PDB file of N, CA and C in Angstrom:
ATOM      1  N   MET A   1      -6.409 -24.891  61.938  1.00  0.00           N
ATOM      2  CA  MET A   1      -6.393 -24.309  60.612  1.00  0.00           C
ATOM      3  C   MET A   1      -6.646 -22.807  60.711  1.00  0.00           C
ATOM      4  N   ALA A   2      -5.990 -22.047  59.889  1.00  0.00           N
ATOM      5  CA  ALA A   2      -6.143 -20.597  59.876  1.00  0.00           C
ATOM      6  C   ALA A   2      -7.494 -20.209  59.299  1.00  0.00           C
ATOM      7  N   THR A   3      -7.979 -19.046  59.738  1.00  0.00           N
ATOM      8  CA  THR A   3      -9.255 -18.560  59.230  1.00  0.00           C
ATOM      9  C   THR A   3      -9.109 -17.144  58.696  1.00  0.00           C
ATOM     10  N   LEU A   4     -10.058 -16.758  57.859  1.00  0.00           N
ATOM     11  CA  LEU A   4     -10.166 -15.396  57.357  1.00  0.00           C
ATOM     12  C   LEU A   4     -11.398 -14.763  57.980  1.00  0.00           C
ATOM     13  N   HIS A   5     -11.264 -13.560  58.497  1.00  0.00           N
ATOM     14  CA  HIS A   5     -12.410 -12.801  58.982  1.00  0.00           C
ATOM     15  C   HIS A   5     -12.772 -11.829  57.858  1.00  0.00           C
ATOM     16  N   ILE A   6     -13.979 -11.975  57.319  1.00  0.00           N
ATOM     17  CA  ILE A   6     -14.406 -11.199  56.162  1.00  0.00           C
ATOM     18  C   ILE A   6     -15.579 -10.325  56.580  1.00  0.00           C
ATOM     19  N   ARG A   7     -15.503  -9.023  56.269  1.00  0.00           N
ATOM     20  CA  ARG A   7     -16.568  -8.084  56.617  1.00  0.00           C
ATOM     21  C   ARG A   7     -16.925  -7.260  55.387  1.00  0.00           C
ATOM     22  N   GLN A   8     -18.227  -7.155  55.106  1.00  0.00           N
ATOM     23  CA  GLN A   8     -18.682  -6.363  53.965  1.00  0.00           C
ATOM     24  C   GLN A   8     -18.706  -4.897  54.364  1.00  0.00           C
ATOM     25  N   VAL A   9     -18.056  -4.042  53.558  1.00  0.00           N
ATOM     26  CA  VAL A   9     -17.965  -2.625  53.892  1.00  0.00           C
ATOM     27  C   VAL A   9     -18.633  -1.728  52.858  1.00  0.00           C
ATOM     28  N   LYS A  10     -18.991  -2.285  51.708  1.00  0.00           N
ATOM     29  CA  LYS A  10     -19.675  -1.507  50.678  1.00  0.00           C
ATOM     30  C   LYS A  10     -20.891  -2.277  50.188  1.00  0.00           C
ATOM     31  N   SER A  11     -21.843  -1.539  49.644  1.00  0.00           N
ATOM     32  CA  SER A  11     -23.077  -2.123  49.146  1.00  0.00           C
ATOM     33  C   SER A  11     -22.852  -2.916  47.868  1.00  0.00           C
ATOM     34  N   ALA A  12     -23.700  -3.913  47.651  1.00  0.00           N
ATOM     35  CA  ALA A  12     -23.638  -4.710  46.430  1.00  0.00           C
ATOM     36  C   ALA A  12     -24.453  -4.073  45.307  1.00  0.00           C
ATOM     37  N   ASN A  13     -25.103  -2.932  45.573  1.00  0.00           N
ATOM     38  CA  ASN A  13     -25.845  -2.244  44.513  1.00  0.00           C
ATOM     39  C   ASN A  13     -24.904  -1.879  43.375  1.00  0.00           C
ATOM     40  N   GLY A  14     -25.296  -2.197  42.162  1.00  0.00           N
ATOM     41  CA  GLY A  14     -24.484  -1.886  40.994  1.00  0.00           C
ATOM     42  C   GLY A  14     -23.460  -2.952  40.659  1.00  0.00           C
ATOM     43  N   SER A  15     -23.346  -3.964  41.494  1.00  0.00           N
ATOM     44  CA  SER A  15     -22.397  -5.031  41.198  1.00  0.00           C
ATOM     45  C   SER A  15     -23.049  -6.061  40.274  1.00  0.00           C
ATOM     46  N   THR A  16     -22.230  -6.931  39.728  1.00  0.00           N
ATOM     47  CA  THR A  16     -22.746  -7.937  38.809  1.00  0.00           C
ATOM     48  C   THR A  16     -23.465  -9.039  39.599  1.00  0.00           C
ATOM     49  N   PRO A  17     -24.356  -9.785  38.938  1.00  0.00           N
ATOM     50  CA  PRO A  17     -25.015 -10.897  39.626  1.00  0.00           C
ATOM     51  C   PRO A  17     -24.019 -11.907  40.199  1.00  0.00           C
ATOM     52  N   ALA A  18     -22.923 -12.142  39.519  1.00  0.00           N
ATOM     53  CA  ALA A  18     -21.915 -13.086  40.017  1.00  0.00           C
ATOM     54  C   ALA A  18     -21.305 -12.578  41.323  1.00  0.00           C
ATOM     55  N   GLN A  19     -21.066 -11.277  41.427  1.00  0.00           N
ATOM     56  CA  GLN A  19     -20.502 -10.721  42.659  1.00  0.00           C
ATOM     57  C   GLN A  19     -21.503 -10.805  43.797  1.00  0.00           C
ATOM     58  N   ARG A  20     -22.788 -10.552  43.528  1.00  0.00           N
ATOM     59  CA  ARG A  20     -23.818 -10.679  44.557  1.00  0.00           C
ATOM     60  C   ARG A  20     -23.929 -12.127  45.033  1.00  0.00           C
ATOM     61  N   ASP A  21     -23.862 -13.062  44.080  1.00  0.00           N
ATOM     62  CA  ASP A  21     -23.900 -14.482  44.447  1.00  0.00           C
ATOM     63  C   ASP A  21     -22.701 -14.860  45.311  1.00  0.00           C
ATOM     64  N   THR A  22     -21.543 -14.310  44.989  1.00  0.00           N
ATOM     65  CA  THR A  22     -20.344 -14.604  45.774  1.00  0.00           C
ATOM     66  C   THR A  22     -20.496 -14.089  47.202  1.00  0.00           C
ATOM     67  N   LEU A  23     -21.044 -12.894  47.368  1.00  0.00           N
ATOM     68  CA  LEU A  23     -21.269 -12.366  48.717  1.00  0.00           C
ATOM     69  C   LEU A  23     -22.209 -13.280  49.498  1.00  0.00           C
ATOM     70  N   ARG A  24     -23.278 -13.739  48.856  1.00  0.00           N
ATOM     71  CA  ARG A  24     -24.216 -14.639  49.526  1.00  0.00           C
ATOM     72  C   ARG A  24     -23.542 -15.957  49.895  1.00  0.00           C
ATOM     73  N   THR A  25     -22.719 -16.471  48.988  1.00  0.00           N
ATOM     74  CA  THR A  25     -22.016 -17.728  49.255  1.00  0.00           C
ATOM     75  C   THR A  25     -21.060 -17.586  50.427  1.00  0.00           C
ATOM     76  N   LEU A  26     -20.444 -16.434  50.560  1.00  0.00           N
ATOM     77  CA  LEU A  26     -19.555 -16.181  51.696  1.00  0.00           C
ATOM     78  C   LEU A  26     -20.338 -16.007  52.997  1.00  0.00           C
ATOM     79  N   GLY A  27     -21.643 -15.786  52.900  1.00  0.00           N
ATOM     80  CA  GLY A  27     -22.469 -15.614  54.094  1.00  0.00           C
ATOM     81  C   GLY A  27     -22.661 -14.165  54.488  1.00  0.00           C
ATOM     82  N   LEU A  28     -22.409 -13.248  53.558  1.00  0.00           N
ATOM     83  CA  LEU A  28     -22.551 -11.821  53.836  1.00  0.00           C
ATOM     84  C   LEU A  28     -23.906 -11.339  53.317  1.00  0.00           C
ATOM     85  N   ARG A  29     -24.638 -10.617  54.162  1.00  0.00           N
ATOM     86  CA  ARG A  29     -26.001 -10.215  53.810  1.00  0.00           C
ATOM     87  C   ARG A  29     -26.137  -8.718  53.576  1.00  0.00           C
ATOM     88  N   GLY A  30     -25.172  -7.939  53.991  1.00  0.00           N
ATOM     89  CA  GLY A  30     -25.266  -6.495  53.817  1.00  0.00           C
ATOM     90  C   GLY A  30     -24.079  -5.820  54.477  1.00  0.00           C
ATOM     91  N   ILE A  31     -24.074  -4.508  54.367  1.00  0.00           N
ATOM     92  CA  ILE A  31     -22.980  -3.732  54.928  1.00  0.00           C
ATOM     93  C   ILE A  31     -22.904  -3.992  56.435  1.00  0.00           C
ATOM     94  N   GLY A  32     -21.704  -4.260  56.915  1.00  0.00           N
ATOM     95  CA  GLY A  32     -21.480  -4.507  58.332  1.00  0.00           C
ATOM     96  C   GLY A  32     -21.550  -5.967  58.726  1.00  0.00           C
ATOM     97  N   SER A  33     -22.078  -6.829  57.862  1.00  0.00           N
ATOM     98  CA  SER A  33     -22.116  -8.248  58.218  1.00  0.00           C
ATOM     99  C   SER A  33     -20.721  -8.844  58.075  1.00  0.00           C
ATOM    100  N   ALA A  34     -20.447  -9.847  58.899  1.00  0.00           N
ATOM    101  CA  ALA A  34     -19.117 -10.438  58.920  1.00  0.00           C
ATOM    102  C   ALA A  34     -19.221 -11.948  59.090  1.00  0.00           C
ATOM    103  N   THR A  35     -18.172 -12.633  58.684  1.00  0.00           N
ATOM    104  CA  THR A  35     -18.119 -14.080  58.803  1.00  0.00           C
ATOM    105  C   THR A  35     -16.670 -14.533  58.885  1.00  0.00           C
ATOM    106  N   ASP A  36     -16.474 -15.719  59.410  1.00  0.00           N
ATOM    107  CA  ASP A  36     -15.158 -16.354  59.444  1.00  0.00           C
ATOM    108  C   ASP A  36     -15.202 -17.569  58.539  1.00  0.00           C
ATOM    109  N   ARG A  37     -14.221 -17.681  57.663  1.00  0.00           N
ATOM    110  CA  ARG A  37     -14.137 -18.799  56.727  1.00  0.00           C
ATOM    111  C   ARG A  37     -12.726 -19.367  56.759  1.00  0.00           C
ATOM    112  N   PRO A  38     -12.562 -20.644  56.390  1.00  0.00           N
ATOM    113  CA  PRO A  38     -11.220 -21.238  56.346  1.00  0.00           C
ATOM    114  C   PRO A  38     -10.325 -20.502  55.346  1.00  0.00           C
ATOM    115  N   ASP A  39      -9.067 -20.412  55.679  1.00  0.00           N
ATOM    116  CA  ASP A  39      -8.102 -19.761  54.790  1.00  0.00           C
ATOM    117  C   ASP A  39      -7.585 -20.796  53.795  1.00  0.00           C
ATOM    118  N   ASP A  40      -8.352 -20.984  52.716  1.00  0.00           N
ATOM    119  CA  ASP A  40      -7.932 -21.901  51.661  1.00  0.00           C
ATOM    120  C   ASP A  40      -8.149 -21.234  50.303  1.00  0.00           C
ATOM    121  N   PRO A  41      -7.614 -21.807  49.239  1.00  0.00           N
ATOM    122  CA  PRO A  41      -7.672 -21.164  47.921  1.00  0.00           C
ATOM    123  C   PRO A  41      -9.087 -20.876  47.422  1.00  0.00           C
ATOM    124  N   VAL A  42     -10.054 -21.709  47.783  1.00  0.00           N
ATOM    125  CA  VAL A  42     -11.426 -21.490  47.327  1.00  0.00           C
ATOM    126  C   VAL A  42     -11.967 -20.178  47.871  1.00  0.00           C
ATOM    127  N   PHE A  43     -11.842 -19.978  49.185  1.00  0.00           N
ATOM    128  CA  PHE A  43     -12.371 -18.751  49.778  1.00  0.00           C
ATOM    129  C   PHE A  43     -11.521 -17.542  49.420  1.00  0.00           C
ATOM    130  N   ARG A  44     -10.224 -17.730  49.238  1.00  0.00           N
ATOM    131  CA  ARG A  44      -9.393 -16.592  48.793  1.00  0.00           C
ATOM    132  C   ARG A  44      -9.825 -16.124  47.401  1.00  0.00           C
ATOM    133  N   GLY A  45     -10.190 -17.061  46.532  1.00  0.00           N
ATOM    134  CA  GLY A  45     -10.679 -16.707  45.202  1.00  0.00           C
ATOM    135  C   GLY A  45     -11.986 -15.947  45.268  1.00  0.00           C
ATOM    136  N   MET A  46     -12.881 -16.374  46.162  1.00  0.00           N
ATOM    137  CA  MET A  46     -14.152 -15.662  46.330  1.00  0.00           C
ATOM    138  C   MET A  46     -13.916 -14.246  46.826  1.00  0.00           C
ATOM    139  N   VAL A  47     -13.022 -14.103  47.794  1.00  0.00           N
ATOM    140  CA  VAL A  47     -12.711 -12.772  48.324  1.00  0.00           C
ATOM    141  C   VAL A  47     -12.104 -11.898  47.225  1.00  0.00           C
ATOM    142  N   ALA A  48     -11.274 -12.469  46.378  1.00  0.00           N
ATOM    143  CA  ALA A  48     -10.667 -11.704  45.290  1.00  0.00           C
ATOM    144  C   ALA A  48     -11.727 -11.189  44.317  1.00  0.00           C
ATOM    145  N   THR A  49     -12.800 -11.958  44.142  1.00  0.00           N
ATOM    146  CA  THR A  49     -13.875 -11.549  43.240  1.00  0.00           C
ATOM    147  C   THR A  49     -14.585 -10.305  43.744  1.00  0.00           C
ATOM    148  N   VAL A  50     -14.709 -10.163  45.051  1.00  0.00           N
ATOM    149  CA  VAL A  50     -15.444  -9.037  45.633  1.00  0.00           C
ATOM    150  C   VAL A  50     -14.552  -8.176  46.524  1.00  0.00           C
ATOM    151  N   ARG A  51     -13.265  -8.129  46.215  1.00  0.00           N
ATOM    152  CA  ARG A  51     -12.299  -7.438  47.078  1.00  0.00           C
ATOM    153  C   ARG A  51     -12.607  -5.951  47.252  1.00  0.00           C
ATOM    154  N   HIS A  52     -13.336  -5.338  46.298  1.00  0.00           N
ATOM    155  CA  HIS A  52     -13.669  -3.925  46.408  1.00  0.00           C
ATOM    156  C   HIS A  52     -14.877  -3.686  47.322  1.00  0.00           C
ATOM    157  N   LEU A  53     -15.526  -4.762  47.785  1.00  0.00           N
ATOM    158  CA  LEU A  53     -16.702  -4.653  48.642  1.00  0.00           C
ATOM    159  C   LEU A  53     -16.458  -5.126  50.073  1.00  0.00           C
ATOM    160  N   VAL A  54     -15.326  -5.783  50.318  1.00  0.00           N
ATOM    161  CA  VAL A  54     -15.086  -6.402  51.624  1.00  0.00           C
ATOM    162  C   VAL A  54     -13.725  -6.011  52.183  1.00  0.00           C
ATOM    163  N   GLU A  55     -13.578  -6.207  53.504  1.00  0.00           N
ATOM    164  CA  GLU A  55     -12.281  -6.110  54.175  1.00  0.00           C
ATOM    165  C   GLU A  55     -11.983  -7.480  54.765  1.00  0.00           C
ATOM    166  N   THR A  56     -10.742  -7.883  54.675  1.00  0.00           N
ATOM    167  CA  THR A  56     -10.352  -9.207  55.161  1.00  0.00           C
ATOM    168  C   THR A  56      -9.169  -9.092  56.106  1.00  0.00           C
ATOM    169  N   THR A  57      -9.260  -9.809  57.222  1.00  0.00           N
ATOM    170  CA  THR A  57      -8.134  -9.904  58.143  1.00  0.00           C
ATOM    171  C   THR A  57      -7.952 -11.370  58.520  1.00  0.00           C
ATOM    172  N   ALA A  58      -6.797 -11.689  59.016  1.00  0.00           N
ATOM    173  CA  ALA A  58      -6.553 -13.051  59.499  1.00  0.00           C
ATOM    174  C   ALA A  58      -7.414 -13.263  60.735  1.00  0.00           C
ATOM    175  N   GLY A  59      -7.937 -14.448  60.907  1.00  0.00           N
ATOM    176  CA  GLY A  59      -8.854 -14.747  62.011  1.00  0.00           C
ATOM    177  C   GLY A  59      -8.290 -14.429  63.367  1.00  0.00           C
ATOM    178  N   SER A  60      -7.013 -14.761  63.613  1.00  0.00           N
ATOM    179  CA  SER A  60      -6.424 -14.511  64.924  1.00  0.00           C
ATOM    180  C   SER A  60      -6.296 -13.018  65.189  1.00  0.00           C
ATOM    181  N   GLU A  61      -6.017 -12.209  64.147  1.00  0.00           N
ATOM    182  CA  GLU A  61      -5.923 -10.760  64.315  1.00  0.00           C
ATOM    183  C   GLU A  61      -7.284 -10.176  64.682  1.00  0.00           C
ATOM    184  N   ALA A  62      -8.337 -10.667  64.036  1.00  0.00           N
ATOM    185  CA  ALA A  62      -9.669 -10.162  64.302  1.00  0.00           C
ATOM    186  C   ALA A  62     -10.089 -10.476  65.732  1.00  0.00           C
ATOM    187  N   LYS A  63      -9.764 -11.656  66.228  1.00  0.00           N
ATOM    188  CA  LYS A  63     -10.119 -12.047  67.597  1.00  0.00           C
ATOM    189  C   LYS A  63      -9.380 -11.169  68.608  1.00  0.00           C
ATOM    190  N   ASP A  64      -8.104 -10.860  68.354  1.00  0.00           N
ATOM    191  CA  ASP A  64      -7.327 -10.049  69.274  1.00  0.00           C
ATOM    192  C   ASP A  64      -7.858  -8.623  69.356  1.00  0.00           C
ATOM    193  N   SER A  65      -8.330  -8.054  68.248  1.00  0.00           N
ATOM    194  CA  SER A  65      -8.775  -6.664  68.243  1.00  0.00           C
ATOM    195  C   SER A  65     -10.164  -6.513  68.855  1.00  0.00           C
ATOM    196  N   ASP A  66     -10.948  -7.601  68.948  1.00  0.00           N
ATOM    197  CA  ASP A  66     -12.298  -7.507  69.512  1.00  0.00           C
ATOM    198  C   ASP A  66     -12.284  -7.358  71.035  1.00  0.00           C
ATOM    199  N   GLY A  67     -11.315  -7.959  71.684  1.00  0.00           N
ATOM    200  CA  GLY A  67     -11.378  -8.048  73.125  1.00  0.00           C
ATOM    201  C   GLY A  67     -10.553  -7.096  73.847  1.00  0.00           C
TER     202      GLY A  67
END
């Protein structure tokens, strides 16, 4: 199954409580934190909610650029 590599690039200060909750649900704790999640509609919707705070790449692309 495909994955999304999600990295927080901006602070959650000034965001709505719903956006902060979404970041926590995705597993992001602060600027620079990253996580891999399944590429399905649920997680795509969460990413869309906080798209101005995160960067997203396909999991295979993220793995290739690390090594």
